[in-house]
Amino acid sequence: QVQLVESGGALVQPGGSLRLSCAASGFTFSTYAMRWYRQAPEKERELVAAITSPGGSTYYADSVKGRFTISRDNAKNTVYLQMNSLKREDTAVYYCNATPRVGLGRAYWGQGTQVTVSS
């Protein structure tokens, strides 16, 4: 019932851009903070970006600051990650995460979408 479905991952050359989308359903999207994580093979999952509920405040990992932008459209139940100036180090599976306010429910995860930055 609850679903987070990521899309937009692709093979892209260094310096290129991608926009990831995460379509949510089955819960009250606007009340959840949304986050993007990524995980490269054999590495720990890393928080990339976050946006508050219902929106307005954002967080970015230092490694992506100035290159990535997180946004949300509560009317469409969708969160986006605009990724510019991509580097080989950005190669990973990117996961969408929905996190409620404390005590108001559980967090949800998507299945992930593969981003590969290579020439």
N, C-alpha and C. Protein backbone atom coordinates (compact mmCIF):
# COMPACT_ATOMS: atom_id res chain seq x y z
N GLN A 1 0.83 -1.21 0.00
CA GLN A 1 0.00 0.00 0.00
C GLN A 1 0.86 1.26 0.00
N VAL A 2 1.77 1.35 0.97
CA VAL A 2 2.71 2.46 0.99
C VAL A 2 3.79 2.20 -0.05
N GLN A 3 4.01 3.17 -0.89
CA GLN A 3 5.01 3.04 -1.93
C GLN A 3 5.81 4.31 -2.10
N LEU A 4 7.09 4.14 -2.30
CA LEU A 4 7.99 5.20 -2.75
C LEU A 4 8.68 4.64 -3.98
N VAL A 5 8.46 5.25 -5.12
CA VAL A 5 8.98 4.74 -6.37
C VAL A 5 9.91 5.77 -6.98
N GLU A 6 11.20 5.44 -7.00
CA GLU A 6 12.20 6.32 -7.58
C GLU A 6 12.29 6.10 -9.08
N SER A 7 12.63 7.16 -9.78
CA SER A 7 12.88 7.06 -11.21
C SER A 7 13.87 8.14 -11.61
N GLY A 8 14.41 8.01 -12.79
CA GLY A 8 15.31 9.01 -13.33
C GLY A 8 16.77 8.62 -13.34
N GLY A 9 17.12 7.53 -12.69
CA GLY A 9 18.50 7.09 -12.70
C GLY A 9 18.92 6.65 -14.09
N ALA A 10 20.20 6.86 -14.39
CA ALA A 10 20.70 6.57 -15.73
C ALA A 10 22.21 6.55 -15.72
N LEU A 11 22.76 6.17 -16.87
CA LEU A 11 24.19 6.33 -17.13
C LEU A 11 24.41 7.72 -17.70
N VAL A 12 25.30 8.48 -17.09
CA VAL A 12 25.56 9.84 -17.52
C VAL A 12 27.06 10.11 -17.47
N GLN A 13 27.53 10.97 -18.35
CA GLN A 13 28.94 11.33 -18.36
C GLN A 13 29.28 12.30 -17.24
N PRO A 14 30.52 12.30 -16.78
CA PRO A 14 30.93 13.30 -15.80
C PRO A 14 30.61 14.71 -16.29
N GLY A 15 30.10 15.53 -15.38
CA GLY A 15 29.68 16.88 -15.72
C GLY A 15 28.24 16.98 -16.16
N GLY A 16 27.59 15.86 -16.36
CA GLY A 16 26.22 15.86 -16.80
C GLY A 16 25.24 16.06 -15.66
N SER A 17 23.96 16.01 -16.01
CA SER A 17 22.89 16.25 -15.05
C SER A 17 21.82 15.18 -15.14
N LEU A 18 21.18 14.93 -14.02
CA LEU A 18 20.02 14.06 -13.95
C LEU A 18 19.05 14.64 -12.95
N ARG A 19 17.78 14.34 -13.13
CA ARG A 19 16.79 14.65 -12.13
C ARG A 19 16.10 13.37 -11.69
N LEU A 20 16.26 13.05 -10.42
CA LEU A 20 15.59 11.90 -9.85
C LEU A 20 14.23 12.32 -9.30
N SER A 21 13.27 11.43 -9.42
CA SER A 21 11.95 11.66 -8.87
C SER A 21 11.59 10.51 -7.94
N CYS A 22 10.81 10.82 -6.94
CA CYS A 22 10.30 9.81 -6.02
C CYS A 22 8.82 10.08 -5.83
N ALA A 23 8.00 9.19 -6.35
CA ALA A 23 6.56 9.32 -6.26
C ALA A 23 6.06 8.52 -5.06
N ALA A 24 5.33 9.18 -4.18
CA ALA A 24 4.86 8.57 -2.94
C ALA A 24 3.37 8.32 -2.98
N SER A 25 2.94 7.26 -2.31
CA SER A 25 1.52 6.98 -2.17
C SER A 25 1.29 6.16 -0.91
N GLY A 26 0.07 6.21 -0.40
CA GLY A 26 -0.31 5.40 0.74
C GLY A 26 -0.09 6.03 2.11
N PHE A 27 0.36 7.26 2.13
CA PHE A 27 0.53 7.98 3.40
C PHE A 27 0.41 9.47 3.14
N THR A 28 0.34 10.24 4.22
CA THR A 28 0.16 11.68 4.08
C THR A 28 1.51 12.33 3.81
N PHE A 29 1.80 12.44 2.54
CA PHE A 29 3.11 12.87 2.08
C PHE A 29 3.55 14.19 2.70
N SER A 30 2.66 15.16 2.76
CA SER A 30 3.03 16.50 3.19
C SER A 30 3.48 16.57 4.65
N THR A 31 3.17 15.57 5.45
CA THR A 31 3.56 15.56 6.85
C THR A 31 4.89 14.86 7.10
N TYR A 32 5.52 14.37 6.05
CA TYR A 32 6.78 13.65 6.17
C TYR A 32 7.93 14.48 5.63
N ALA A 33 9.01 14.52 6.39
CA ALA A 33 10.26 15.00 5.81
C ALA A 33 10.73 13.99 4.77
N MET A 34 11.33 14.47 3.72
CA MET A 34 11.79 13.60 2.66
C MET A 34 13.31 13.69 2.55
N ARG A 35 13.91 12.56 2.30
CA ARG A 35 15.36 12.48 2.21
C ARG A 35 15.77 11.64 1.01
N TRP A 36 16.93 11.97 0.49
CA TRP A 36 17.60 11.13 -0.49
C TRP A 36 18.88 10.58 0.13
N TYR A 37 19.03 9.28 0.04
CA TYR A 37 20.25 8.59 0.43
C TYR A 37 20.88 7.97 -0.80
N ARG A 38 22.13 7.61 -0.68
CA ARG A 38 22.76 6.84 -1.74
C ARG A 38 23.69 5.81 -1.14
N GLN A 39 23.91 4.75 -1.89
CA GLN A 39 24.79 3.69 -1.43
C GLN A 39 25.54 3.10 -2.61
N ALA A 40 26.84 3.20 -2.55
CA ALA A 40 27.70 2.57 -3.53
C ALA A 40 28.02 1.15 -3.07
N PRO A 41 28.39 0.27 -3.99
CA PRO A 41 28.70 -1.11 -3.59
C PRO A 41 29.75 -1.17 -2.49
N GLU A 42 29.49 -1.96 -1.50
CA GLU A 42 30.39 -2.20 -0.37
C GLU A 42 30.64 -0.96 0.49
N LYS A 43 29.80 0.04 0.36
CA LYS A 43 29.92 1.24 1.18
C LYS A 43 28.65 1.45 1.99
N GLU A 44 28.77 2.24 3.03
CA GLU A 44 27.63 2.55 3.88
C GLU A 44 26.67 3.49 3.17
N ARG A 45 25.41 3.36 3.50
CA ARG A 45 24.42 4.27 2.97
C ARG A 45 24.67 5.68 3.51
N GLU A 46 24.57 6.66 2.65
CA GLU A 46 24.93 8.03 2.96
C GLU A 46 23.74 8.95 2.73
N LEU A 47 23.47 9.83 3.69
CA LEU A 47 22.45 10.84 3.51
C LEU A 47 22.97 11.90 2.56
N VAL A 48 22.22 12.15 1.50
CA VAL A 48 22.62 13.09 0.47
C VAL A 48 21.93 14.44 0.66
N ALA A 49 20.62 14.41 0.85
CA ALA A 49 19.84 15.63 0.95
C ALA A 49 18.56 15.36 1.70
N ALA A 50 18.00 16.40 2.30
CA ALA A 50 16.75 16.28 3.03
C ALA A 50 15.97 17.57 2.90
N ILE A 51 14.66 17.44 3.01
CA ILE A 51 13.79 18.60 2.98
C ILE A 51 12.71 18.40 4.03
N THR A 52 12.38 19.47 4.75
CA THR A 52 11.45 19.37 5.86
C THR A 52 10.01 19.21 5.39
N SER A 53 9.18 18.86 6.35
CA SER A 53 7.73 18.80 6.15
C SER A 53 7.12 20.06 6.70
N PRO A 54 6.33 20.77 5.90
CA PRO A 54 5.93 20.49 4.52
C PRO A 54 6.91 20.97 3.46
N GLY A 55 7.97 21.62 3.88
CA GLY A 55 8.97 22.12 2.96
C GLY A 55 9.55 23.43 3.45
N GLY A 56 10.59 23.87 2.77
CA GLY A 56 11.19 25.16 3.09
C GLY A 56 12.64 25.08 3.53
N SER A 57 12.95 24.13 4.39
CA SER A 57 14.32 23.97 4.87
C SER A 57 14.95 22.75 4.23
N THR A 58 16.20 22.88 3.85
CA THR A 58 16.89 21.78 3.19
C THR A 58 18.24 21.53 3.84
N TYR A 59 18.73 20.33 3.61
CA TYR A 59 20.05 19.93 4.08
C TYR A 59 20.75 19.21 2.95
N TYR A 60 22.06 19.42 2.84
CA TYR A 60 22.85 18.73 1.85
C TYR A 60 24.15 18.24 2.46
N ALA A 61 24.55 17.06 2.07
CA ALA A 61 25.88 16.60 2.42
C ALA A 61 26.92 17.51 1.78
N ASP A 62 28.04 17.67 2.45
CA ASP A 62 29.08 18.54 1.91
C ASP A 62 29.53 18.11 0.52
N SER A 63 29.50 16.82 0.25
CA SER A 63 29.98 16.30 -1.01
C SER A 63 29.11 16.70 -2.20
N VAL A 64 27.87 17.09 -1.95
CA VAL A 64 26.96 17.45 -3.03
C VAL A 64 26.50 18.89 -2.97
N LYS A 65 26.84 19.60 -1.94
CA LYS A 65 26.40 20.98 -1.75
C LYS A 65 26.82 21.84 -2.94
N GLY A 66 25.87 22.59 -3.45
CA GLY A 66 26.12 23.44 -4.60
C GLY A 66 25.90 22.75 -5.93
N ARG A 67 25.76 21.43 -5.92
CA ARG A 67 25.55 20.67 -7.15
C ARG A 67 24.17 20.03 -7.21
N PHE A 68 23.65 19.62 -6.06
CA PHE A 68 22.36 18.94 -5.99
C PHE A 68 21.33 19.86 -5.35
N THR A 69 20.08 19.71 -5.75
CA THR A 69 18.98 20.46 -5.18
C THR A 69 17.81 19.53 -4.92
N ILE A 70 17.34 19.50 -3.68
CA ILE A 70 16.16 18.73 -3.34
C ILE A 70 14.95 19.65 -3.32
N SER A 71 13.83 19.15 -3.80
CA SER A 71 12.59 19.91 -3.79
C SER A 71 11.43 18.94 -3.66
N ARG A 72 10.27 19.47 -3.33
CA ARG A 72 9.09 18.62 -3.21
C ARG A 72 7.87 19.34 -3.75
N ASP A 73 6.96 18.55 -4.27
CA ASP A 73 5.68 19.04 -4.74
C ASP A 73 4.63 18.25 -3.99
N ASN A 74 4.09 18.85 -2.94
CA ASN A 74 3.14 18.12 -2.09
C ASN A 74 1.84 17.81 -2.82
N ALA A 75 1.47 18.63 -3.79
CA ALA A 75 0.27 18.35 -4.57
C ALA A 75 0.43 17.10 -5.42
N LYS A 76 1.66 16.80 -5.82
CA LYS A 76 1.94 15.63 -6.63
C LYS A 76 2.51 14.47 -5.83
N ASN A 77 2.67 14.66 -4.52
CA ASN A 77 3.27 13.63 -3.66
C ASN A 77 4.61 13.15 -4.21
N THR A 78 5.42 14.09 -4.60
CA THR A 78 6.68 13.76 -5.25
C THR A 78 7.81 14.62 -4.71
N VAL A 79 8.95 13.98 -4.51
CA VAL A 79 10.17 14.69 -4.14
C VAL A 79 11.17 14.48 -5.26
N TYR A 80 11.98 15.50 -5.51
CA TYR A 80 12.94 15.47 -6.60
C TYR A 80 14.35 15.70 -6.09
N LEU A 81 15.29 15.21 -6.84
CA LEU A 81 16.69 15.53 -6.60
C LEU A 81 17.31 15.91 -7.94
N GLN A 82 17.56 17.19 -8.11
CA GLN A 82 18.25 17.67 -9.30
C GLN A 82 19.75 17.54 -9.06
N MET A 83 20.41 16.83 -9.94
CA MET A 83 21.82 16.52 -9.79
C MET A 83 22.59 17.11 -10.96
N ASN A 84 23.41 18.10 -10.68
CA ASN A 84 24.22 18.76 -11.70
C ASN A 84 25.69 18.52 -11.46
N SER A 85 26.48 18.76 -12.48
CA SER A 85 27.93 18.62 -12.39
C SER A 85 28.32 17.28 -11.78
N LEU A 86 27.74 16.23 -12.30
CA LEU A 86 27.93 14.91 -11.71
C LEU A 86 29.37 14.45 -11.84
N LYS A 87 29.81 13.77 -10.81
CA LYS A 87 31.16 13.22 -10.72
C LYS A 87 31.09 11.71 -10.65
N ARG A 88 32.20 11.06 -10.97
CA ARG A 88 32.25 9.61 -10.86
C ARG A 88 31.92 9.14 -9.45
N GLU A 89 32.29 9.94 -8.46
CA GLU A 89 32.05 9.59 -7.07
C GLU A 89 30.56 9.61 -6.71
N ASP A 90 29.73 10.16 -7.56
CA ASP A 90 28.29 10.17 -7.33
C ASP A 90 27.63 8.86 -7.73
N THR A 91 28.36 7.97 -8.35
CA THR A 91 27.81 6.69 -8.76
C THR A 91 27.33 5.90 -7.54
N ALA A 92 26.06 5.52 -7.55
CA ALA A 92 25.47 4.82 -6.43
C ALA A 92 24.02 4.49 -6.77
N VAL A 93 23.42 3.68 -5.93
CA VAL A 93 21.98 3.54 -5.94
C VAL A 93 21.41 4.61 -5.03
N TYR A 94 20.47 5.36 -5.54
CA TYR A 94 19.87 6.46 -4.80
C TYR A 94 18.50 6.03 -4.29
N TYR A 95 18.28 6.24 -3.00
CA TYR A 95 17.06 5.81 -2.33
C TYR A 95 16.29 7.00 -1.79
N CYS A 96 15.00 6.95 -1.96
CA CYS A 96 14.09 7.92 -1.39
C CYS A 96 13.63 7.44 -0.02
N ASN A 97 13.56 8.36 0.93
CA ASN A 97 13.14 8.04 2.29
C ASN A 97 12.13 9.07 2.77
N ALA A 98 11.10 8.59 3.43
CA ALA A 98 10.09 9.45 4.04
C ALA A 98 10.12 9.25 5.55
N THR A 99 10.29 10.34 6.28
CA THR A 99 10.44 10.28 7.73
C THR A 99 9.39 11.14 8.42
N PRO A 100 8.59 10.55 9.29
CA PRO A 100 7.56 11.33 9.99
C PRO A 100 8.14 12.12 11.15
N ARG A 101 7.35 13.01 11.70
CA ARG A 101 7.72 13.65 12.94
C ARG A 101 7.79 12.60 14.03
N VAL A 102 8.55 12.88 15.07
CA VAL A 102 8.77 11.92 16.14
C VAL A 102 7.44 11.45 16.73
N GLY A 103 7.28 10.14 16.82
CA GLY A 103 6.10 9.55 17.43
C GLY A 103 4.89 9.44 16.54
N LEU A 104 5.02 9.82 15.28
CA LEU A 104 3.85 9.86 14.40
C LEU A 104 3.86 8.78 13.33
N GLY A 105 4.75 7.83 13.42
CA GLY A 105 4.76 6.75 12.47
C GLY A 105 6.15 6.25 12.16
N ARG A 106 6.24 5.38 11.17
CA ARG A 106 7.50 4.80 10.76
C ARG A 106 8.01 5.46 9.50
N ALA A 107 9.28 5.27 9.25
CA ALA A 107 9.88 5.75 8.02
C ALA A 107 9.66 4.74 6.90
N TYR A 108 9.69 5.24 5.67
CA TYR A 108 9.53 4.39 4.49
C TYR A 108 10.69 4.59 3.54
N TRP A 109 10.97 3.53 2.79
CA TRP A 109 12.06 3.54 1.82
C TRP A 109 11.58 3.08 0.45
N GLY A 110 12.16 3.66 -0.57
CA GLY A 110 11.94 3.17 -1.92
C GLY A 110 12.92 2.07 -2.27
N GLN A 111 12.78 1.53 -3.47
CA GLN A 111 13.63 0.43 -3.92
C GLN A 111 14.97 0.90 -4.47
N GLY A 112 15.05 2.15 -4.83
CA GLY A 112 16.29 2.71 -5.32
C GLY A 112 16.34 2.82 -6.83
N THR A 113 17.15 3.74 -7.30
CA THR A 113 17.39 3.91 -8.72
C THR A 113 18.89 4.10 -8.94
N GLN A 114 19.41 3.43 -9.95
CA GLN A 114 20.85 3.42 -10.18
C GLN A 114 21.30 4.66 -10.95
N VAL A 115 22.29 5.33 -10.41
CA VAL A 115 22.96 6.43 -11.09
C VAL A 115 24.40 6.02 -11.33
N THR A 116 24.80 6.03 -12.58
CA THR A 116 26.17 5.70 -12.93
C THR A 116 26.79 6.85 -13.70
N VAL A 117 27.88 7.38 -13.19
CA VAL A 117 28.58 8.49 -13.82
C VAL A 117 29.89 7.95 -14.37
N SER A 118 29.98 7.90 -15.67
CA SER A 118 31.13 7.29 -16.32
C SER A 118 31.26 7.82 -17.74
N SER A 119 32.49 7.91 -18.20
CA SER A 119 32.76 8.29 -19.57
C SER A 119 32.94 7.08 -20.46
